[in-house]
C-alpha cells in the first residue's frame, strides 16, 4: 500500500512538471530564453574545447587586430583573442550566478521561513533588518561589502549574494504566510509534528514555485551586478576572462578597437535577457490560476 502511494505521489510530481513544461513551450519568448540559457551552459562546460586560442596569453604584435578568419572577434589591447575570452567568460558568469544566487537563496529562504512561520517579534526583527538592507541602493551596498572584504571575484560573488537576500526573504515570507493557513498544516500540528518537520515537509515544498522563479530572475541580475563590480575594478582581477573586466580593459580603446567593447557588452546583455525571459515564462507556467 505504501509503495502504491509513493508511486502515485511520484506520478503527480512528474505530471505537474510535465504540465509546467507544456505551458512553457507555448511561449516563444520563454523558449528563446531557455535556448540562450542552454547555449550559455554548453559554452561554459565546453569552453576549453571551443576556444581557438589561449584566453590569457596574448601577443603585443597582434594587439587591436580587426575581426578576421583567425580572430573572428578581433584581439584586445594585449593581443588576446576576444572570442576565446568571451567563451571563458561564460564559465565565470555561470559560476557567479550559481554561487551568488546560492548564497541569497539559502540565507534569504531561512530568514523568510523563520519570519513567516513564527511571526510576532521574530517577524518584526527579521523584516526590519530586511527593510534596512533595501534602504540602500543595491550597487552601493555591494560596493561597501567588497570594499570591506577586498577586491576579488570571490568577494564580489559574496557581496552580490548578500545584497540579493532581501528578494528571497520577502518572497518566501509571503509564501509561508499563505501556506501555513492551510488545513493540512493544522493537521500536522495536531498529530505532534515538530516545527522542523512542518517546515521541511509541508511548507517549503509548497513554496518551491516562487523560489524557483526568483532564482532564475536573480541569476541574470547577479551576473549584471558582478560585471558592474568588475568594471569598477572590485570584482574579477586581471587576467581573468570576465565580461565586466573585459569592458573595463577596453573602455580606453573604444574608437581604436570598438569590437573589444561591443562583444563583452552584447554577451552580458544576451545572458541577462535569456534568464529574464525564462524567469518570466516560469512565473506564468507555475501560476496555479492558469488553466490549460
C-alpha atoms as a PDB file:
ATOM      1  CA  UNK A   1       0.000   0.000   0.000  1.00  0.00           C
ATOM      2  CA  UNK A   2       2.859   2.344   0.891  1.00  0.00           C
ATOM      3  CA  UNK A   3       4.641   1.626  -2.393  1.00  0.00           C
ATOM      4  CA  UNK A   4       1.423   2.376  -4.244  1.00  0.00           C
ATOM      5  CA  UNK A   5       1.082   5.743  -2.501  1.00  0.00           C
ATOM      6  CA  UNK A   6       4.696   6.606  -3.284  1.00  0.00           C
ATOM      7  CA  UNK A   7       4.177   5.700  -6.924  1.00  0.00           C
ATOM      8  CA  UNK A   8       1.065   7.855  -7.090  1.00  0.00           C
ATOM      9  CA  UNK A   9       2.955  10.749  -5.498  1.00  0.00           C
ATOM     10  CA  UNK A  10       5.797  10.430  -7.997  1.00  0.00           C
ATOM     11  CA  UNK A  11       3.316  10.354 -10.855  1.00  0.00           C
ATOM     12  CA  UNK A  12       1.678  13.528  -9.560  1.00  0.00           C
ATOM     13  CA  UNK A  13       5.021  15.315  -9.357  1.00  0.00           C
ATOM     14  CA  UNK A  14       6.006  14.108 -12.833  1.00  0.00           C
ATOM     15  CA  UNK A  15       2.651  15.181 -14.213  1.00  0.00           C
ATOM     16  CA  UNK A  16       2.979  18.608 -12.582  1.00  0.00           C
ATOM     17  CA  UNK A  17       6.357  19.355 -14.129  1.00  0.00           C
ATOM     18  CA  UNK A  18       5.269  17.936 -17.493  1.00  0.00           C
ATOM     19  CA  UNK A  19       2.310  20.311 -17.381  1.00  0.00           C
ATOM     20  CA  UNK A  20       4.609  23.218 -16.469  1.00  0.00           C
ATOM     21  CA  UNK A  21       6.912  22.484 -19.411  1.00  0.00           C
ATOM     22  CA  UNK A  22       3.877  22.158 -21.684  1.00  0.00           C
ATOM     23  CA  UNK A  23       2.768  25.651 -20.675  1.00  0.00           C
ATOM     24  CA  UNK A  24       6.309  26.949 -21.029  1.00  0.00           C
ATOM     25  CA  UNK A  25       6.527  25.670 -24.594  1.00  0.00           C
ATOM     26  CA  UNK A  26       3.528  27.766 -25.582  1.00  0.00           C
ATOM     27  CA  UNK A  27       5.542  30.950 -25.059  1.00  0.00           C
ATOM     28  CA  UNK A  28       8.063  31.646 -27.825  1.00  0.00           C
ATOM     29  CA  UNK A  29       9.885  34.241 -25.730  1.00  0.00           C
ATOM     30  CA  UNK A  30      10.267  31.785 -22.853  1.00  0.00           C
ATOM     31  CA  UNK A  31      11.660  29.116 -25.141  1.00  0.00           C
ATOM     32  CA  UNK A  32      14.041  31.672 -26.618  1.00  0.00           C
ATOM     33  CA  UNK A  33      15.232  32.465 -23.100  1.00  0.00           C
ATOM     34  CA  UNK A  34      15.650  28.758 -22.368  1.00  0.00           C
ATOM     35  CA  UNK A  35      17.681  28.372 -25.572  1.00  0.00           C
ATOM     36  CA  UNK A  36      20.001  31.209 -24.509  1.00  0.00           C
ATOM     37  CA  UNK A  37      20.497  29.619 -21.071  1.00  0.00           C
ATOM     38  CA  UNK A  38      21.224  26.211 -22.620  1.00  0.00           C
ATOM     39  CA  UNK A  39      23.785  27.747 -25.000  1.00  0.00           C
ATOM     40  CA  UNK A  40      25.413  29.571 -22.080  1.00  0.00           C
ATOM     41  CA  UNK A  41      25.678  26.371 -20.036  1.00  0.00           C
ATOM     42  CA  UNK A  42      27.017  24.441 -23.028  1.00  0.00           C
ATOM     43  CA  UNK A  43      29.620  27.141 -23.664  1.00  0.00           C
ATOM     44  CA  UNK A  44      30.635  27.200 -20.004  1.00  0.00           C
ATOM     45  CA  UNK A  45      31.191  23.432 -19.951  1.00  0.00           C
ATOM     46  CA  UNK A  46      32.995  23.104 -23.282  1.00  0.00           C
ATOM     47  CA  UNK A  47      34.857  26.439 -23.402  1.00  0.00           C
ATOM     48  CA  UNK A  48      38.329  24.763 -23.389  1.00  0.00           C
ATOM     49  CA  UNK A  49      37.341  22.700 -26.435  1.00  0.00           C
ATOM     50  CA  UNK A  50      35.670  25.561 -28.288  1.00  0.00           C
ATOM     51  CA  UNK A  51      38.240  28.328 -27.682  1.00  0.00           C
ATOM     52  CA  UNK A  52      40.675  28.582 -30.620  1.00  0.00           C
ATOM     53  CA  UNK A  53      43.313  30.491 -28.608  1.00  0.00           C
ATOM     54  CA  UNK A  54      44.585  30.907 -25.069  1.00  0.00           C
ATOM     55  CA  UNK A  55      42.317  33.470 -23.334  1.00  0.00           C
ATOM     56  CA  UNK A  56      45.070  34.801 -21.057  1.00  0.00           C
ATOM     57  CA  UNK A  57      48.290  34.770 -23.095  1.00  0.00           C
ATOM     58  CA  UNK A  58      48.447  37.255 -25.965  1.00  0.00           C
ATOM     59  CA  UNK A  59      50.945  38.778 -28.350  1.00  0.00           C
ATOM     60  CA  UNK A  60      51.502  42.528 -28.311  1.00  0.00           C
ATOM     61  CA  UNK A  61      52.308  42.399 -32.016  1.00  0.00           C
ATOM     62  CA  UNK A  62      48.680  41.341 -32.597  1.00  0.00           C
ATOM     63  CA  UNK A  63      47.042  43.975 -30.377  1.00  0.00           C
ATOM     64  CA  UNK A  64      43.841  45.522 -31.720  1.00  0.00           C
ATOM     65  CA  UNK A  65      43.665  43.279 -34.754  1.00  0.00           C
ATOM     66  CA  UNK A  66      40.336  43.640 -36.514  1.00  0.00           C
ATOM     67  CA  UNK A  67      37.969  40.627 -36.721  1.00  0.00           C
ATOM     68  CA  UNK A  68      39.263  38.102 -39.242  1.00  0.00           C
ATOM     69  CA  UNK A  69      39.061  34.406 -40.050  1.00  0.00           C
ATOM     70  CA  UNK A  70      41.665  33.608 -37.392  1.00  0.00           C
ATOM     71  CA  UNK A  71      40.334  36.048 -34.791  1.00  0.00           C
ATOM     72  CA  UNK A  72      36.624  36.219 -35.522  1.00  0.00           C
ATOM     73  CA  UNK A  73      36.018  38.856 -32.802  1.00  0.00           C
ATOM     74  CA  UNK A  74      39.380  40.552 -33.126  1.00  0.00           C
ATOM     75  CA  UNK A  75      42.006  40.985 -30.415  1.00  0.00           C
ATOM     76  CA  UNK A  76      42.237  43.258 -27.385  1.00  0.00           C
ATOM     77  CA  UNK A  77      44.901  45.669 -26.139  1.00  0.00           C
ATOM     78  CA  UNK A  78      47.093  42.746 -25.032  1.00  0.00           C
ATOM     79  CA  UNK A  79      46.788  40.851 -28.298  1.00  0.00           C
ATOM     80  CA  UNK A  80      44.438  38.244 -26.781  1.00  0.00           C
ATOM     81  CA  UNK A  81      41.642  36.624 -28.746  1.00  0.00           C
ATOM     82  CA  UNK A  82      38.355  38.297 -27.755  1.00  0.00           C
ATOM     83  CA  UNK A  83      36.274  35.294 -28.860  1.00  0.00           C
ATOM     84  CA  UNK A  84      38.220  32.900 -26.618  1.00  0.00           C
ATOM     85  CA  UNK A  85      37.874  35.304 -23.696  1.00  0.00           C
ATOM     86  CA  UNK A  86      34.123  35.574 -24.296  1.00  0.00           C
ATOM     87  CA  UNK A  87      33.829  31.775 -24.178  1.00  0.00           C
ATOM     88  CA  UNK A  88      35.771  31.506 -20.933  1.00  0.00           C
ATOM     89  CA  UNK A  89      33.798  34.454 -19.592  1.00  0.00           C
ATOM     90  CA  UNK A  90      30.669  32.308 -19.865  1.00  0.00           C
ATOM     91  CA  UNK A  91      32.231  29.978 -17.288  1.00  0.00           C
ATOM     92  CA  UNK A  92      32.786  32.862 -14.901  1.00  0.00           C
ATOM     93  CA  UNK A  93      29.231  34.091 -15.429  1.00  0.00           C
ATOM     94  CA  UNK A  94      27.732  30.685 -14.655  1.00  0.00           C
ATOM     95  CA  UNK A  95      29.924  30.439 -11.559  1.00  0.00           C
ATOM     96  CA  UNK A  96      28.826  33.904 -10.442  1.00  0.00           C
ATOM     97  CA  UNK A  97      25.174  33.087 -10.991  1.00  0.00           C
ATOM     98  CA  UNK A  98      25.234  29.780  -9.117  1.00  0.00           C
ATOM     99  CA  UNK A  99      27.316  30.907  -6.125  1.00  0.00           C
ATOM    100  CA  UNK A 100      25.741  34.341  -5.680  1.00  0.00           C
ATOM    101  CA  UNK A 101      22.176  33.104  -6.007  1.00  0.00           C
ATOM    102  CA  UNK A 102      23.021  30.121  -3.799  1.00  0.00           C
ATOM    103  CA  UNK A 103      24.087  32.479  -1.010  1.00  0.00           C
ATOM    104  CA  UNK A 104      20.990  34.646  -1.420  1.00  0.00           C
ATOM    105  CA  UNK A 105      18.714  31.608  -1.720  1.00  0.00           C
ATOM    106  CA  UNK A 106      19.933  29.826   1.409  1.00  0.00           C
ATOM    107  CA  UNK A 107      20.098  32.849   3.697  1.00  0.00           C
ATOM    108  CA  UNK A 108      17.030  34.594   2.271  1.00  0.00           C
ATOM    109  CA  UNK A 109      14.889  31.451   2.419  1.00  0.00           C
ATOM    110  CA  UNK A 110      15.944  30.781   6.014  1.00  0.00           C
ATOM    111  CA  UNK A 111      15.079  34.338   7.030  1.00  0.00           C
ATOM    112  CA  UNK A 112      11.765  34.279   5.162  1.00  0.00           C
ATOM    113  CA  UNK A 113      10.699  30.927   6.650  1.00  0.00           C
ATOM    114  CA  UNK A 114      11.568  31.926  10.212  1.00  0.00           C
ATOM    115  CA  UNK A 115       9.870  35.296   9.819  1.00  0.00           C
ATOM    116  CA  UNK A 116       6.694  33.985   8.222  1.00  0.00           C
ATOM    117  CA  UNK A 117       6.291  30.834  10.320  1.00  0.00           C
ATOM    118  CA  UNK A 118       6.923  32.219  13.789  1.00  0.00           C
ATOM    119  CA  UNK A 119       5.606  35.759  13.277  1.00  0.00           C
ATOM    120  CA  UNK A 120       5.385  38.195  16.186  1.00  0.00           C
ATOM    121  CA  UNK A 121       8.608  39.771  17.397  1.00  0.00           C
ATOM    122  CA  UNK A 122      10.702  37.421  15.293  1.00  0.00           C
ATOM    123  CA  UNK A 123       8.913  38.587  12.163  1.00  0.00           C
ATOM    124  CA  UNK A 124       9.335  42.236  13.159  1.00  0.00           C
ATOM    125  CA  UNK A 125      13.078  41.921  13.831  1.00  0.00           C
ATOM    126  CA  UNK A 126      13.839  39.963  10.671  1.00  0.00           C
ATOM    127  CA  UNK A 127      11.767  42.138   8.341  1.00  0.00           C
ATOM    128  CA  UNK A 128      13.087  45.403   9.788  1.00  0.00           C
ATOM    129  CA  UNK A 129      16.597  44.119   9.070  1.00  0.00           C
ATOM    130  CA  UNK A 130      15.476  43.348   5.523  1.00  0.00           C
ATOM    131  CA  UNK A 131      13.989  46.840   5.211  1.00  0.00           C
ATOM    132  CA  UNK A 132      17.302  48.356   6.292  1.00  0.00           C
ATOM    133  CA  UNK A 133      19.102  46.408   3.560  1.00  0.00           C
ATOM    134  CA  UNK A 134      16.536  47.544   0.997  1.00  0.00           C
ATOM    135  CA  UNK A 135      17.046  51.163   2.052  1.00  0.00           C
ATOM    136  CA  UNK A 136      20.485  51.110   0.398  1.00  0.00           C
ATOM    137  CA  UNK A 137      20.867  51.060  -3.402  1.00  0.00           C
ATOM    138  CA  UNK A 138      21.956  47.566  -4.392  1.00  0.00           C
ATOM    139  CA  UNK A 139      25.152  48.596  -6.152  1.00  0.00           C
ATOM    140  CA  UNK A 140      26.231  50.886  -3.292  1.00  0.00           C
ATOM    141  CA  UNK A 141      25.698  48.143  -0.727  1.00  0.00           C
ATOM    142  CA  UNK A 142      27.654  45.712  -2.892  1.00  0.00           C
ATOM    143  CA  UNK A 143      30.459  48.273  -3.264  1.00  0.00           C
ATOM    144  CA  UNK A 144      30.603  48.732   0.503  1.00  0.00           C
ATOM    145  CA  UNK A 145      30.809  44.990   1.124  1.00  0.00           C
ATOM    146  CA  UNK A 146      33.538  44.451  -1.482  1.00  0.00           C
ATOM    147  CA  UNK A 147      35.475  47.416  -0.115  1.00  0.00           C
ATOM    148  CA  UNK A 148      35.443  45.823   3.335  1.00  0.00           C
ATOM    149  CA  UNK A 149      36.305  42.318   2.104  1.00  0.00           C
ATOM    150  CA  UNK A 150      38.768  43.394  -0.579  1.00  0.00           C
ATOM    151  CA  UNK A 151      38.537  43.350  -4.402  1.00  0.00           C
ATOM    152  CA  UNK A 152      38.334  39.835  -5.852  1.00  0.00           C
ATOM    153  CA  UNK A 153      35.920  37.674  -7.803  1.00  0.00           C
ATOM    154  CA  UNK A 154      35.077  35.579  -4.723  1.00  0.00           C
ATOM    155  CA  UNK A 155      34.299  38.631  -2.607  1.00  0.00           C
ATOM    156  CA  UNK A 156      32.239  40.108  -5.442  1.00  0.00           C
ATOM    157  CA  UNK A 157      30.108  36.953  -5.532  1.00  0.00           C
ATOM    158  CA  UNK A 158      29.657  37.109  -1.755  1.00  0.00           C
ATOM    159  CA  UNK A 159      28.639  40.766  -1.996  1.00  0.00           C
ATOM    160  CA  UNK A 160      26.166  40.127  -4.799  1.00  0.00           C
ATOM    161  CA  UNK A 161      24.703  37.208  -2.861  1.00  0.00           C
ATOM    162  CA  UNK A 162      24.252  39.305   0.286  1.00  0.00           C
ATOM    163  CA  UNK A 163      22.539  42.231  -1.464  1.00  0.00           C
ATOM    164  CA  UNK A 164      20.014  39.851  -3.051  1.00  0.00           C
ATOM    165  CA  UNK A 165      18.993  38.235   0.251  1.00  0.00           C
ATOM    166  CA  UNK A 166      16.013  40.598   0.750  1.00  0.00           C
ATOM    167  CA  UNK A 167      14.456  39.461  -2.555  1.00  0.00           C
ATOM    168  CA  UNK A 168      14.201  35.875  -1.344  1.00  0.00           C
ATOM    169  CA  UNK A 169      13.346  36.763   2.256  1.00  0.00           C
ATOM    170  CA  UNK A 170      10.290  38.767   1.251  1.00  0.00           C
ATOM    171  CA  UNK A 171       9.005  36.320  -1.339  1.00  0.00           C
ATOM    172  CA  UNK A 172       9.465  33.284   0.927  1.00  0.00           C
ATOM    173  CA  UNK A 173       7.866  35.075   3.874  1.00  0.00           C
ATOM    174  CA  UNK A 174       4.750  35.940   1.877  1.00  0.00           C
ATOM    175  CA  UNK A 175       4.520  32.362   0.590  1.00  0.00           C
ATOM    176  CA  UNK A 176       4.917  30.908   4.090  1.00  0.00           C
ATOM    177  CA  UNK A 177       2.201  33.213   5.466  1.00  0.00           C
ATOM    178  CA  UNK A 178      -0.153  31.894   2.789  1.00  0.00           C
ATOM    179  CA  UNK A 179       0.754  28.214   3.102  1.00  0.00           C
ATOM    180  CA  UNK A 180       0.674  27.972   6.894  1.00  0.00           C
ATOM    181  CA  UNK A 181      -3.018  28.904   6.931  1.00  0.00           C
ATOM    182  CA  UNK A 182      -3.973  25.691   5.127  1.00  0.00           C
ATOM    183  CA  UNK A 183      -5.759  22.902   6.978  1.00  0.00           C
ATOM    184  CA  UNK A 184      -3.026  20.320   6.417  1.00  0.00           C
ATOM    185  CA  UNK A 185      -0.640  22.474   8.453  1.00  0.00           C
ATOM    186  CA  UNK A 186      -3.113  22.451  11.341  1.00  0.00           C
ATOM    187  CA  UNK A 187      -3.442  18.678  10.934  1.00  0.00           C
ATOM    188  CA  UNK A 188       0.347  18.270  11.083  1.00  0.00           C
ATOM    189  CA  UNK A 189       0.470  20.336  14.268  1.00  0.00           C
ATOM    190  CA  UNK A 190      -2.364  18.305  15.838  1.00  0.00           C
ATOM    191  CA  UNK A 191      -0.552  14.982  15.323  1.00  0.00           C
ATOM    192  CA  UNK A 192       2.579  16.303  17.015  1.00  0.00           C
ATOM    193  CA  UNK A 193       4.872  17.166  14.089  1.00  0.00           C
ATOM    194  CA  UNK A 194       7.802  19.360  15.075  1.00  0.00           C
ATOM    195  CA  UNK A 195       8.337  22.796  13.565  1.00  0.00           C
ATOM    196  CA  UNK A 196      11.270  21.455  11.560  1.00  0.00           C
ATOM    197  CA  UNK A 197       9.150  18.655  10.080  1.00  0.00           C
ATOM    198  CA  UNK A 198       6.319  21.029   9.223  1.00  0.00           C
ATOM    199  CA  UNK A 199       8.663  23.495   7.554  1.00  0.00           C
ATOM    200  CA  UNK A 200      10.679  20.948   5.556  1.00  0.00           C
ATOM    201  CA  UNK A 201       7.861  18.542   4.627  1.00  0.00           C
ATOM    202  CA  UNK A 202       4.824  20.772   4.200  1.00  0.00           C
ATOM    203  CA  UNK A 203       5.758  24.447   3.883  1.00  0.00           C
ATOM    204  CA  UNK A 204       8.943  24.635   1.790  1.00  0.00           C
ATOM    205  CA  UNK A 205       7.752  22.181  -0.914  1.00  0.00           C
ATOM    206  CA  UNK A 206       4.693  24.384  -1.426  1.00  0.00           C
ATOM    207  CA  UNK A 207       6.880  27.497  -1.709  1.00  0.00           C
ATOM    208  CA  UNK A 208       9.061  25.984  -4.432  1.00  0.00           C
ATOM    209  CA  UNK A 209       7.419  27.727  -7.386  1.00  0.00           C
ATOM    210  CA  UNK A 210       8.081  31.356  -6.365  1.00  0.00           C
ATOM    211  CA  UNK A 211      11.573  30.413  -5.135  1.00  0.00           C
ATOM    212  CA  UNK A 212      12.403  28.826  -8.489  1.00  0.00           C
ATOM    213  CA  UNK A 213      11.143  31.827 -10.440  1.00  0.00           C
ATOM    214  CA  UNK A 214      13.029  34.282  -8.231  1.00  0.00           C
ATOM    215  CA  UNK A 215      16.215  32.226  -8.513  1.00  0.00           C
ATOM    216  CA  UNK A 216      16.055  32.288 -12.310  1.00  0.00           C
ATOM    217  CA  UNK A 217      15.461  36.036 -12.441  1.00  0.00           C
ATOM    218  CA  UNK A 218      18.157  36.757  -9.848  1.00  0.00           C
ATOM    219  CA  UNK A 219      20.845  34.841 -11.760  1.00  0.00           C
ATOM    220  CA  UNK A 220      20.660  37.403 -14.568  1.00  0.00           C
ATOM    221  CA  UNK A 221      20.724  40.253 -12.060  1.00  0.00           C
ATOM    222  CA  UNK A 222      23.687  38.713 -10.227  1.00  0.00           C
ATOM    223  CA  UNK A 223      25.701  38.389 -13.438  1.00  0.00           C
ATOM    224  CA  UNK A 224      24.985  42.024 -14.279  1.00  0.00           C
ATOM    225  CA  UNK A 225      25.885  43.269 -10.786  1.00  0.00           C
ATOM    226  CA  UNK A 226      29.112  41.250 -10.689  1.00  0.00           C
ATOM    227  CA  UNK A 227      30.050  42.610 -14.118  1.00  0.00           C
ATOM    228  CA  UNK A 228      29.496  46.122 -12.770  1.00  0.00           C
ATOM    229  CA  UNK A 229      31.799  45.460  -9.821  1.00  0.00           C
ATOM    230  CA  UNK A 230      34.453  44.010 -12.133  1.00  0.00           C
ATOM    231  CA  UNK A 231      34.125  47.041 -14.411  1.00  0.00           C
ATOM    232  CA  UNK A 232      34.910  49.241 -11.404  1.00  0.00           C
ATOM    233  CA  UNK A 233      37.936  47.094 -10.558  1.00  0.00           C
ATOM    234  CA  UNK A 234      36.394  45.499  -7.469  1.00  0.00           C
ATOM    235  CA  UNK A 235      35.436  42.125  -8.928  1.00  0.00           C
ATOM    236  CA  UNK A 236      37.405  39.790 -11.160  1.00  0.00           C
ATOM    237  CA  UNK A 237      41.039  40.842 -11.380  1.00  0.00           C
ATOM    238  CA  UNK A 238      43.252  40.619 -14.499  1.00  0.00           C
ATOM    239  CA  UNK A 239      43.925  38.414 -16.337  1.00  0.00           C
ATOM    240  CA  UNK A 240      40.632  36.579 -15.552  1.00  0.00           C
ATOM    241  CA  UNK A 241      38.340  36.486 -18.592  1.00  0.00           C
ATOM    242  CA  UNK A 242      35.268  38.083 -17.030  1.00  0.00           C
ATOM    243  CA  UNK A 243      32.982  40.168 -19.212  1.00  0.00           C
ATOM    244  CA  UNK A 244      32.866  43.171 -16.872  1.00  0.00           C
ATOM    245  CA  UNK A 245      36.648  43.309 -16.545  1.00  0.00           C
ATOM    246  CA  UNK A 246      36.939  42.948 -20.332  1.00  0.00           C
ATOM    247  CA  UNK A 247      34.801  46.069 -20.697  1.00  0.00           C
ATOM    248  CA  UNK A 248      36.984  47.898 -18.194  1.00  0.00           C
ATOM    249  CA  UNK A 249      40.158  46.926 -20.058  1.00  0.00           C
ATOM    250  CA  UNK A 250      38.737  48.012 -23.415  1.00  0.00           C
ATOM    251  CA  UNK A 251      36.994  51.267 -22.452  1.00  0.00           C
ATOM    252  CA  UNK A 252      40.073  53.331 -23.306  1.00  0.00           C
ATOM    253  CA  UNK A 253      40.135  51.910 -26.842  1.00  0.00           C
ATOM    254  CA  UNK A 254      36.503  52.318 -27.870  1.00  0.00           C
ATOM    255  CA  UNK A 255      37.365  54.231 -31.037  1.00  0.00           C
ATOM    256  CA  UNK A 256      40.506  52.323 -31.875  1.00  0.00           C
ATOM    257  CA  UNK A 257      39.064  48.824 -31.273  1.00  0.00           C
ATOM    258  CA  UNK A 258      35.254  49.035 -30.822  1.00  0.00           C
ATOM    259  CA  UNK A 259      34.879  45.263 -31.138  1.00  0.00           C
ATOM    260  CA  UNK A 260      36.730  44.712 -27.848  1.00  0.00           C
ATOM    261  CA  UNK A 261      33.957  46.663 -26.091  1.00  0.00           C
ATOM    262  CA  UNK A 262      30.984  45.587 -28.169  1.00  0.00           C
ATOM    263  CA  UNK A 263      31.236  41.795 -27.815  1.00  0.00           C
ATOM    264  CA  UNK A 264      31.524  41.588 -23.987  1.00  0.00           C
ATOM    265  CA  UNK A 265      28.646  44.066 -23.684  1.00  0.00           C
ATOM    266  CA  UNK A 266      26.477  42.046 -26.056  1.00  0.00           C
ATOM    267  CA  UNK A 267      27.341  38.842 -24.173  1.00  0.00           C
ATOM    268  CA  UNK A 268      26.173  40.393 -20.883  1.00  0.00           C
ATOM    269  CA  UNK A 269      23.006  41.745 -22.478  1.00  0.00           C
ATOM    270  CA  UNK A 270      22.018  38.456 -24.126  1.00  0.00           C
ATOM    271  CA  UNK A 271      22.735  36.430 -20.987  1.00  0.00           C
ATOM    272  CA  UNK A 272      20.659  38.689 -18.723  1.00  0.00           C
ATOM    273  CA  UNK A 273      17.885  38.770 -21.341  1.00  0.00           C
ATOM    274  CA  UNK A 274      17.842  34.966 -21.508  1.00  0.00           C
ATOM    275  CA  UNK A 275      17.422  34.497 -17.759  1.00  0.00           C
ATOM    276  CA  UNK A 276      14.778  37.235 -17.574  1.00  0.00           C
ATOM    277  CA  UNK A 277      12.727  35.718 -20.393  1.00  0.00           C
ATOM    278  CA  UNK A 278      12.995  32.254 -18.858  1.00  0.00           C
ATOM    279  CA  UNK A 279      12.071  33.565 -15.416  1.00  0.00           C
ATOM    280  CA  UNK A 280       9.004  35.352 -16.757  1.00  0.00           C
ATOM    281  CA  UNK A 281       7.947  32.207 -18.578  1.00  0.00           C
ATOM    282  CA  UNK A 282       8.378  30.045 -15.471  1.00  0.00           C
ATOM    283  CA  UNK A 283       6.336  32.516 -13.434  1.00  0.00           C
ATOM    284  CA  UNK A 284       3.414  32.152 -15.852  1.00  0.00           C
ATOM    285  CA  UNK A 285       3.826  28.376 -16.236  1.00  0.00           C
ATOM    286  CA  UNK A 286       3.903  27.773 -12.470  1.00  0.00           C
ATOM    287  CA  UNK A 287       0.898  30.009 -11.756  1.00  0.00           C
ATOM    288  CA  UNK A 288      -1.819  27.646 -10.467  1.00  0.00           C
ATOM    289  CA  UNK A 289      -4.522  30.071 -11.537  1.00  0.00           C
ATOM    290  CA  UNK A 290      -3.717  29.454 -15.182  1.00  0.00           C
ATOM    291  CA  UNK A 291      -5.661  26.683 -16.847  1.00  0.00           C
ATOM    292  CA  UNK A 292      -4.966  24.605 -19.896  1.00  0.00           C
END
